[in-house]
Protein backbone atom coordinates (compact mmCIF):
# COMPACT_ATOMS: atom_id res chain seq x y z
CA MET A 1 3.52 0.81 -30.32
CA ILE A 2 6.97 0.36 -28.83
CA GLU A 3 7.52 3.03 -26.19
CA LYS A 4 10.69 4.26 -24.54
CA PHE A 5 11.00 4.05 -20.80
CA ALA A 6 12.18 7.68 -20.84
CA TRP A 7 8.57 8.67 -21.56
CA TYR A 8 7.55 7.13 -18.23
CA ARG A 9 10.16 8.79 -16.02
CA ASN A 10 8.32 10.37 -13.07
CA SER A 11 4.98 9.50 -14.67
CA GLU A 12 3.73 8.06 -11.35
CA GLN A 13 5.23 10.78 -9.17
CA GLY A 14 4.14 10.45 -5.55
CA ASN A 15 2.20 7.22 -6.03
CA LYS A 16 2.53 4.14 -3.82
CA PHE A 17 3.83 1.06 -5.64
CA MET A 18 3.28 -2.62 -4.96
CA ILE A 19 5.67 -4.99 -6.73
CA VAL A 20 4.05 -8.41 -7.03
CA GLY A 21 6.44 -11.30 -7.53
CA GLY A 22 5.67 -14.90 -8.35
CA GLY A 23 6.67 -16.41 -5.02
CA GLY A 24 4.53 -19.11 -3.44
CA SER A 25 3.66 -16.77 -0.56
CA THR A 26 1.35 -14.78 -2.84
CA ARG A 27 -0.87 -17.82 -3.29
CA GLU A 28 -1.04 -18.24 0.47
CA PHE A 29 -1.90 -14.57 1.08
CA ARG A 30 -3.78 -13.87 -2.14
CA ASP A 31 -6.91 -12.39 -0.58
CA GLU A 32 -4.96 -10.17 1.81
CA ILE A 33 -2.75 -8.88 -1.01
CA ILE A 34 -5.68 -8.07 -3.27
CA LEU A 35 -7.48 -6.28 -0.44
CA LYS A 36 -4.39 -4.27 0.44
CA CYS A 37 -3.93 -3.22 -3.20
CA ILE A 38 -7.50 -1.93 -3.24
CA ILE A 39 -7.29 -0.12 0.10
CA GLU A 40 -3.87 1.44 -0.50
CA LYS A 41 -4.60 2.25 -4.18
CA TYR A 42 -1.20 0.98 -5.25
CA THR A 43 0.25 1.23 -8.72
CA THR A 44 1.24 -2.40 -9.29
CA ILE A 45 4.14 -3.97 -11.19
CA GLY A 46 3.74 -7.71 -11.76
CA ILE A 47 6.71 -9.99 -12.40
CA ASN A 48 5.98 -12.89 -14.78
CA ARG A 49 2.86 -14.90 -13.85
CA VAL A 50 1.27 -13.34 -10.77
CA ILE A 51 -1.94 -13.57 -8.76
CA ILE A 52 -3.31 -10.18 -9.84
CA GLN A 53 -3.79 -8.25 -13.07
CA PRO A 54 -1.06 -5.61 -12.61
CA ASP A 55 -0.93 -2.07 -13.94
CA TYR A 56 2.50 -2.79 -15.41
CA HIS A 57 3.64 -6.30 -16.34
CA LEU A 58 7.42 -6.79 -16.47
CA TRP A 59 9.22 -9.67 -18.22
CA THR A 60 12.98 -10.11 -18.61
CA ASN A 61 13.28 -13.91 -18.94
CA ASN A 62 12.61 -15.55 -22.32
CA GLN A 63 11.67 -18.94 -20.90
CA ARG A 64 9.19 -17.45 -18.42
CA LEU A 65 7.61 -15.31 -21.14
CA ASN A 66 7.40 -18.24 -23.54
CA ASP A 67 5.78 -20.47 -20.92
CA HIS A 68 3.42 -17.98 -19.27
CA ASN A 69 2.48 -15.32 -21.82
CA ASP A 70 -1.14 -16.50 -21.74
CA CYS A 71 -1.62 -14.48 -18.53
CA ILE A 72 -0.85 -11.14 -20.24
CA THR A 73 -3.92 -8.97 -20.86
CA ASN A 74 -4.63 -5.63 -22.49
CA HIS A 75 -5.49 -4.22 -19.07
CA SER A 76 -1.78 -4.18 -18.15
CA THR A 77 0.96 -2.05 -19.70
CA LEU A 78 3.57 -4.55 -20.86
CA MET A 79 7.27 -3.99 -20.10
CA LEU A 80 9.87 -6.09 -21.93
CA GLY A 81 13.53 -6.24 -20.95
CA GLN A 82 16.19 -5.78 -23.61
CA ASN A 83 17.10 -9.47 -23.70
CA ILE A 84 13.66 -10.67 -24.77
CA THR A 85 14.09 -12.23 -28.22
CA PRO A 86 12.62 -10.68 -31.39
CA GLU A 87 10.46 -13.80 -31.85
CA LEU A 88 8.76 -13.25 -28.50
CA ARG A 89 8.57 -9.47 -28.95
CA ASN A 90 6.72 -9.97 -32.22
CA MET A 91 3.85 -11.52 -30.27
CA PHE A 92 2.99 -8.07 -28.90
CA HIS A 93 2.11 -4.80 -30.59
CA ASN A 94 2.41 -2.51 -27.57
CA TYR A 95 5.04 -2.49 -24.85
CA ILE A 96 7.60 -0.37 -23.03
CA ASP A 97 11.16 -1.24 -24.03
CA ILE A 98 13.35 -1.51 -20.92
CA HIS A 99 17.11 -1.12 -21.43
CA TYR A 100 19.54 -1.71 -18.60
CA THR A 101 23.33 -1.83 -18.39
CA LYS A 102 25.27 -3.88 -15.85
CA SER A 103 27.11 -1.69 -13.38
CA ASP A 104 28.31 -2.44 -9.87
CA SER A 105 29.49 1.12 -9.24
CA TYR A 106 26.54 3.21 -10.45
CA TYR A 107 22.83 2.63 -9.90
CA GLY A 108 20.55 5.06 -11.69
CA TYR A 109 19.41 6.28 -15.10
CA ARG A 110 21.12 8.19 -17.86
CA ASN A 111 21.07 8.34 -21.67
CA GLY A 112 18.09 6.01 -21.94
CA GLN A 113 19.70 3.27 -19.87
CA ILE A 114 18.97 1.95 -16.39
CA TYR A 115 22.28 1.21 -14.68
CA GLY A 116 22.90 -1.33 -11.93
CA THR A 117 23.07 -5.08 -11.42
CA TYR A 118 19.73 -6.89 -11.60
CA ARG A 119 19.80 -10.66 -11.14
CA THR A 120 16.00 -10.88 -11.20
CA ALA A 121 13.16 -8.87 -12.68
CA GLY A 122 11.97 -8.16 -9.16
CA ILE A 123 15.12 -6.20 -8.35
CA LEU A 124 14.84 -4.31 -11.64
CA ALA A 125 11.20 -3.51 -10.80
CA ILE A 126 12.29 -1.73 -7.62
CA MET A 127 14.50 0.59 -9.67
CA ILE A 128 11.77 1.07 -12.28
CA ALA A 129 9.26 2.06 -9.57
CA HIS A 130 11.80 4.46 -8.09
CA LEU A 131 12.49 6.07 -11.48
CA MET A 132 8.76 6.41 -12.14
CA GLY A 133 8.48 8.51 -9.01
CA ALA A 134 7.31 6.09 -6.33
CA ALA A 135 6.74 7.65 -2.93
CA LYS A 136 6.60 4.20 -1.33
CA ILE A 137 7.56 0.73 -2.55
CA ASP A 138 6.08 -2.40 -0.99
CA ILE A 139 6.80 -5.89 -2.28
CA VAL A 140 5.01 -9.23 -2.06
CA GLY A 141 6.09 -12.56 -3.46
CA MET A 142 9.83 -11.93 -3.29
CA ASP A 143 10.26 -15.13 -1.30
CA GLY A 144 13.70 -16.16 -2.49
CA PHE A 145 14.37 -19.58 -3.98
CA THR A 146 15.42 -21.12 -0.67
CA LEU A 147 12.82 -19.75 1.76
CA HIS A 148 11.64 -23.33 2.29
CA ASN A 149 13.93 -26.31 2.76
CA LYS A 150 14.77 -28.61 -0.11
CA MET A 151 12.85 -31.60 1.26
CA ASP A 152 9.58 -29.70 1.77
CA LEU A 153 9.83 -28.38 -1.78
CA HIS A 154 10.50 -31.79 -3.31
CA LEU A 155 7.63 -33.31 -1.32
CA GLY A 156 5.30 -30.54 -2.47
CA LYS A 157 4.62 -29.33 1.06
CA LYS A 158 5.86 -25.85 0.09
CA SER A 159 6.25 -24.12 -3.27
CA GLN A 160 8.80 -21.80 -4.81
CA HIS A 161 6.26 -20.13 -7.11
CA CYS A 162 2.58 -19.24 -7.08
CA TYR A 163 2.16 -21.47 -10.14
CA GLY A 164 2.91 -25.18 -10.03
CA SER A 165 3.77 -27.00 -6.84
CA GLY A 166 6.94 -27.71 -4.91
CA TYR A 167 10.33 -27.23 -6.55
CA THR A 168 9.51 -25.33 -9.75
CA ASP A 169 12.73 -23.49 -10.52
CA ASP A 170 14.96 -24.66 -13.37
CA ALA A 171 18.17 -24.35 -11.32
CA THR A 172 19.82 -26.83 -8.98
CA TRP A 173 19.52 -26.33 -5.22
CA LEU A 174 23.11 -25.06 -5.00
CA GLN A 175 22.39 -22.61 -7.82
CA CYS A 176 19.28 -21.45 -5.96
CA ILE A 177 21.39 -20.76 -2.87
CA GLU A 178 23.83 -18.75 -4.96
CA LYS A 179 21.02 -16.81 -6.67
CA ASP A 180 19.58 -15.81 -3.31
CA LYS A 181 22.99 -14.53 -2.19
CA LEU A 182 23.30 -12.43 -5.33
CA VAL A 183 19.78 -11.04 -4.94
CA TYR A 184 20.44 -10.17 -1.29
CA ASN A 185 23.57 -8.22 -2.24
CA GLN A 186 21.75 -6.37 -5.00
CA LEU A 187 18.89 -5.45 -2.67
CA ARG A 188 21.48 -4.02 -0.31
CA SER A 189 22.96 -2.01 -3.18
CA LEU A 190 19.56 -0.44 -3.89
CA ALA A 191 19.08 0.33 -0.20
CA ASN A 192 22.55 1.87 -0.01
CA ILE A 193 21.70 4.48 -2.64
CA GLY A 194 18.64 5.51 -0.64
CA ILE A 195 15.81 3.56 -2.27
CA LYS A 196 13.40 2.52 0.48
CA PHE A 197 11.32 -0.65 0.08
CA SER A 198 9.68 -3.25 2.29
CA ILE A 199 8.83 -6.90 1.67
CA LEU A 200 5.47 -7.71 3.27
CA THR A 201 5.28 -11.47 2.77
CA PRO A 202 7.58 -14.21 4.12
CA THR A 203 11.03 -13.94 2.57
CA VAL A 204 14.56 -15.22 2.86
CA PHE A 205 15.69 -11.58 2.59
CA GLU A 206 14.91 -10.82 6.24
CA ASP A 207 16.80 -7.51 6.35
CA PHE A 208 14.07 -6.03 4.18
CA ARG A 209 11.03 -7.69 5.74
CA SER A 210 8.61 -5.04 6.95
CA PRO A 211 8.41 -4.89 10.77
CA ARG A 212 4.75 -3.92 10.28
CA CYS A 213 3.80 -6.98 8.27
CA SER A 214 2.10 -8.86 11.10
CA GLN A 215 -0.50 -6.09 11.38
CA ILE A 216 -1.08 -5.31 7.69
CA ASN A 217 -4.45 -6.56 6.51
CA GLY A 218 -3.81 -10.07 7.70
CA ILE A 219 -0.46 -10.50 5.87
CA THR A 220 1.37 -12.51 8.51
CA THR A 221 3.90 -15.29 8.90
């Protein structure tokens, strides 16, 4: 069954949300993240391939979905962005259809559309959690593409994603730098309209790193 996101507006009113990205930090802090999800009783939104089985599983990138759809289970409610191709959509019988319209001047929801600018699914997930009624939004695995230096990534000493090793993005290093700048600006836009969120794991987006992270269930730098 294809469901409209409108049916899920405020459906998780007052709940705490954990958005789980695919950054390499989640592999490093896997046990701490899982324990925190259990203790805090988060509603979880997973982005692409992640270290947990999320309550909601969001995909907006065709290549990621094509490469990693084997991790999707019936225990998660699937969310597919509007740009997912019909061929990939036809692989699934049940999902929430997510429609969003690019807007730099208005962030919000009206007439069945989520408005704003969302360079990554992780940014979109913050807005989705907010619209579903989140009382609190914590984030793990939003590392940024350039958290680690280029040499450490190419040598496999550090990783961009929780899957694979080293430099796993399909963009050049200069494109990764630019993507991180765009994401930073879009995170600021969400914060400017009053959406509160904290990143608990190491991140290039330091303005949004939780000051409490060094004491939270062992999630430390």
